[in-house]
Amino acid sequence: MNEILPTLFFVLFLSFVGYFVFRAFRFGGLKGAMFGARIERSLGEVTAERQGPVGTVVKVHILRRGADEKLVGLEFVAKSIASYGMMPVALQADQASRLAALLQQALSEP
């Protein structure tokens, strides 16, 4: 009984690693695996205002999941002296349009 728990943990760990490696090959790399879609093209990036020692960049990508599903990928990257964080967000066309409309609305507010 004492040997089953470490073996189960090891099998679960290997399953997780194997699944992530499979996704990396399927979607063309680490970022593609995190987005869950292949990065077709990167459009550019915007550097946000610094929050103390933390700098943030928002990168915009065109993603492709399958032959007919096109997505917009937002990659939020936060860097400081001793840390790096990346958060991927995939948006469908209607969600990206809604986000663009909200950003335009924020700009037009007095």
C-alpha atoms as a PDB file:
ATOM      1  CA  MET A   1       0.000   0.000   0.000  1.00  0.00           C
ATOM      2  CA  ASN A   2       2.866   2.375   0.770  1.00  0.00           C
ATOM      3  CA  GLU A   3       4.299   1.876  -2.727  1.00  0.00           C
ATOM      4  CA  ILE A   4       1.056   2.606  -4.585  1.00  0.00           C
ATOM      5  CA  LEU A   5       0.833   6.306  -3.681  1.00  0.00           C
ATOM      6  CA  PRO A   6       4.294   7.314  -4.994  1.00  0.00           C
ATOM      7  CA  THR A   7       3.721   5.254  -8.142  1.00  0.00           C
ATOM      8  CA  LEU A   8       0.314   6.854  -8.710  1.00  0.00           C
ATOM      9  CA  PHE A   9       1.812  10.311  -8.232  1.00  0.00           C
ATOM     10  CA  PHE A  10       4.604   9.501 -10.705  1.00  0.00           C
ATOM     11  CA  VAL A  11       2.126   8.199 -13.306  1.00  0.00           C
ATOM     12  CA  LEU A  12      -0.074  11.309 -12.937  1.00  0.00           C
ATOM     13  CA  PHE A  13       2.973  13.565 -13.218  1.00  0.00           C
ATOM     14  CA  LEU A  14       4.188  11.787 -16.370  1.00  0.00           C
ATOM     15  CA  SER A  15       0.686  11.969 -17.844  1.00  0.00           C
ATOM     16  CA  PHE A  16       0.584  15.733 -17.287  1.00  0.00           C
ATOM     17  CA  VAL A  17       4.045  16.241 -18.806  1.00  0.00           C
ATOM     18  CA  GLY A  18       3.186  13.988 -21.757  1.00  0.00           C
ATOM     19  CA  TYR A  19      -0.042  15.862 -22.436  1.00  0.00           C
ATOM     20  CA  PHE A  20       1.759  19.218 -22.390  1.00  0.00           C
ATOM     21  CA  VAL A  21       4.530  17.938 -24.702  1.00  0.00           C
ATOM     22  CA  PHE A  22       1.843  16.598 -27.071  1.00  0.00           C
ATOM     23  CA  ARG A  23       0.128  20.022 -27.084  1.00  0.00           C
ATOM     24  CA  ALA A  24       3.459  21.751 -27.724  1.00  0.00           C
ATOM     25  CA  PHE A  25       4.069  19.589 -30.799  1.00  0.00           C
ATOM     26  CA  ARG A  26       0.459  19.892 -31.962  1.00  0.00           C
ATOM     27  CA  PHE A  27       0.287  23.693 -31.695  1.00  0.00           C
ATOM     28  CA  GLY A  28       3.849  24.530 -32.719  1.00  0.00           C
ATOM     29  CA  GLY A  29       5.602  25.358 -29.467  1.00  0.00           C
ATOM     30  CA  LEU A  30       5.248  26.359 -25.859  1.00  0.00           C
ATOM     31  CA  LYS A  31       3.150  29.489 -26.501  1.00  0.00           C
ATOM     32  CA  GLY A  32       0.882  27.611 -28.886  1.00  0.00           C
ATOM     33  CA  ALA A  33       0.359  24.942 -26.235  1.00  0.00           C
ATOM     34  CA  MET A  34      -0.581  27.603 -23.699  1.00  0.00           C
ATOM     35  CA  PHE A  35      -3.031  29.270 -26.107  1.00  0.00           C
ATOM     36  CA  GLY A  36      -4.423  25.945 -27.271  1.00  0.00           C
ATOM     37  CA  ALA A  37      -4.003  27.046 -30.890  1.00  0.00           C
ATOM     38  CA  ARG A  38      -1.210  27.563 -33.422  1.00  0.00           C
ATOM     39  CA  ILE A  39       0.186  31.114 -33.622  1.00  0.00           C
ATOM     40  CA  GLU A  40      -0.284  32.066 -37.265  1.00  0.00           C
ATOM     41  CA  ARG A  41       1.204  35.552 -36.996  1.00  0.00           C
ATOM     42  CA  SER A  42       2.191  38.093 -34.351  1.00  0.00           C
ATOM     43  CA  LEU A  43       0.812  41.572 -35.030  1.00  0.00           C
ATOM     44  CA  GLY A  44       2.690  43.646 -32.468  1.00  0.00           C
ATOM     45  CA  GLU A  45       2.882  44.659 -28.856  1.00  0.00           C
ATOM     46  CA  VAL A  46       2.014  47.553 -26.559  1.00  0.00           C
ATOM     47  CA  THR A  47       4.089  48.434 -23.509  1.00  0.00           C
ATOM     48  CA  ALA A  48       1.952  49.424 -20.523  1.00  0.00           C
ATOM     49  CA  GLU A  49       2.859  51.968 -17.874  1.00  0.00           C
ATOM     50  CA  ARG A  50       5.247  50.595 -15.273  1.00  0.00           C
ATOM     51  CA  GLN A  51       3.845  49.692 -11.882  1.00  0.00           C
ATOM     52  CA  GLY A  52       6.899  50.268  -9.724  1.00  0.00           C
ATOM     53  CA  PRO A  53       9.543  47.695 -10.681  1.00  0.00           C
ATOM     54  CA  VAL A  54       7.122  45.660 -12.820  1.00  0.00           C
ATOM     55  CA  GLY A  55       6.938  46.243 -16.567  1.00  0.00           C
ATOM     56  CA  THR A  56       4.012  44.851 -18.565  1.00  0.00           C
ATOM     57  CA  VAL A  57       3.680  44.209 -22.294  1.00  0.00           C
ATOM     58  CA  VAL A  58       0.550  43.113 -24.184  1.00  0.00           C
ATOM     59  CA  LYS A  59       1.282  41.169 -27.379  1.00  0.00           C
ATOM     60  CA  VAL A  60      -1.375  40.518 -30.040  1.00  0.00           C
ATOM     61  CA  HIS A  61      -1.356  37.327 -32.124  1.00  0.00           C
ATOM     62  CA  ILE A  62      -3.569  35.776 -34.776  1.00  0.00           C
ATOM     63  CA  LEU A  63      -4.286  32.192 -33.761  1.00  0.00           C
ATOM     64  CA  ARG A  64      -5.548  29.299 -35.840  1.00  0.00           C
ATOM     65  CA  ARG A  65      -7.282  26.297 -34.289  1.00  0.00           C
ATOM     66  CA  GLY A  66      -8.156  23.910 -37.079  1.00  0.00           C
ATOM     67  CA  ALA A  67      -8.803  24.975 -40.655  1.00  0.00           C
ATOM     68  CA  ASP A  68     -11.826  27.157 -39.987  1.00  0.00           C
ATOM     69  CA  GLU A  69     -11.427  28.624 -36.489  1.00  0.00           C
ATOM     70  CA  LYS A  70      -9.520  31.914 -36.288  1.00  0.00           C
ATOM     71  CA  LEU A  71      -8.888  33.496 -32.877  1.00  0.00           C
ATOM     72  CA  VAL A  72      -7.217  36.594 -31.485  1.00  0.00           C
ATOM     73  CA  GLY A  73      -4.560  35.883 -28.874  1.00  0.00           C
ATOM     74  CA  LEU A  74      -3.562  38.369 -26.197  1.00  0.00           C
ATOM     75  CA  GLU A  75      -0.343  37.595 -24.357  1.00  0.00           C
ATOM     76  CA  PHE A  76       0.160  39.553 -21.142  1.00  0.00           C
ATOM     77  CA  VAL A  77       3.808  39.518 -20.040  1.00  0.00           C
ATOM     78  CA  ALA A  78       4.872  40.967 -16.685  1.00  0.00           C
ATOM     79  CA  LYS A  79       8.579  41.242 -15.883  1.00  0.00           C
ATOM     80  CA  SER A  80      10.498  42.493 -12.888  1.00  0.00           C
ATOM     81  CA  ILE A  81      13.988  42.017 -11.497  1.00  0.00           C
ATOM     82  CA  ALA A  82      13.422  38.480 -10.223  1.00  0.00           C
ATOM     83  CA  SER A  83      10.241  37.311 -11.937  1.00  0.00           C
ATOM     84  CA  TYR A  84       8.568  36.669 -15.272  1.00  0.00           C
ATOM     85  CA  GLY A  85       4.892  35.937 -15.767  1.00  0.00           C
ATOM     86  CA  MET A  86       2.967  35.215 -18.951  1.00  0.00           C
ATOM     87  CA  MET A  87      -0.799  34.877 -19.234  1.00  0.00           C
ATOM     88  CA  PRO A  88      -2.340  33.868 -22.581  1.00  0.00           C
ATOM     89  CA  VAL A  89      -5.931  34.809 -23.468  1.00  0.00           C
ATOM     90  CA  ALA A  90      -7.639  33.527 -26.633  1.00  0.00           C
ATOM     91  CA  LEU A  91     -10.670  35.464 -27.906  1.00  0.00           C
ATOM     92  CA  GLN A  92     -13.156  34.505 -30.590  1.00  0.00           C
ATOM     93  CA  ALA A  93     -13.993  37.158 -33.208  1.00  0.00           C
ATOM     94  CA  ASP A  94     -17.093  38.475 -31.423  1.00  0.00           C
ATOM     95  CA  GLN A  95     -15.238  38.678 -28.095  1.00  0.00           C
ATOM     96  CA  ALA A  96     -12.339  40.572 -29.720  1.00  0.00           C
ATOM     97  CA  SER A  97     -14.822  42.987 -31.338  1.00  0.00           C
ATOM     98  CA  ARG A  98     -16.485  43.598 -27.972  1.00  0.00           C
ATOM     99  CA  LEU A  99     -13.089  44.265 -26.357  1.00  0.00           C
ATOM    100  CA  ALA A 100     -12.179  46.725 -29.146  1.00  0.00           C
ATOM    101  CA  ALA A 101     -15.519  48.503 -28.677  1.00  0.00           C
ATOM    102  CA  LEU A 102     -14.951  48.781 -24.920  1.00  0.00           C
ATOM    103  CA  LEU A 103     -11.463  50.207 -25.482  1.00  0.00           C
ATOM    104  CA  GLN A 104     -12.865  52.761 -27.949  1.00  0.00           C
ATOM    105  CA  GLN A 105     -15.577  53.668 -25.447  1.00  0.00           C
ATOM    106  CA  ALA A 106     -12.960  54.158 -22.709  1.00  0.00           C
ATOM    107  CA  LEU A 107     -11.030  56.528 -25.003  1.00  0.00           C
ATOM    108  CA  SER A 108     -14.093  58.621 -25.799  1.00  0.00           C
ATOM    109  CA  GLU A 109     -15.137  59.108 -22.156  1.00  0.00           C
ATOM    110  CA  PRO A 110     -14.589  62.692 -20.915  1.00  0.00           C
END
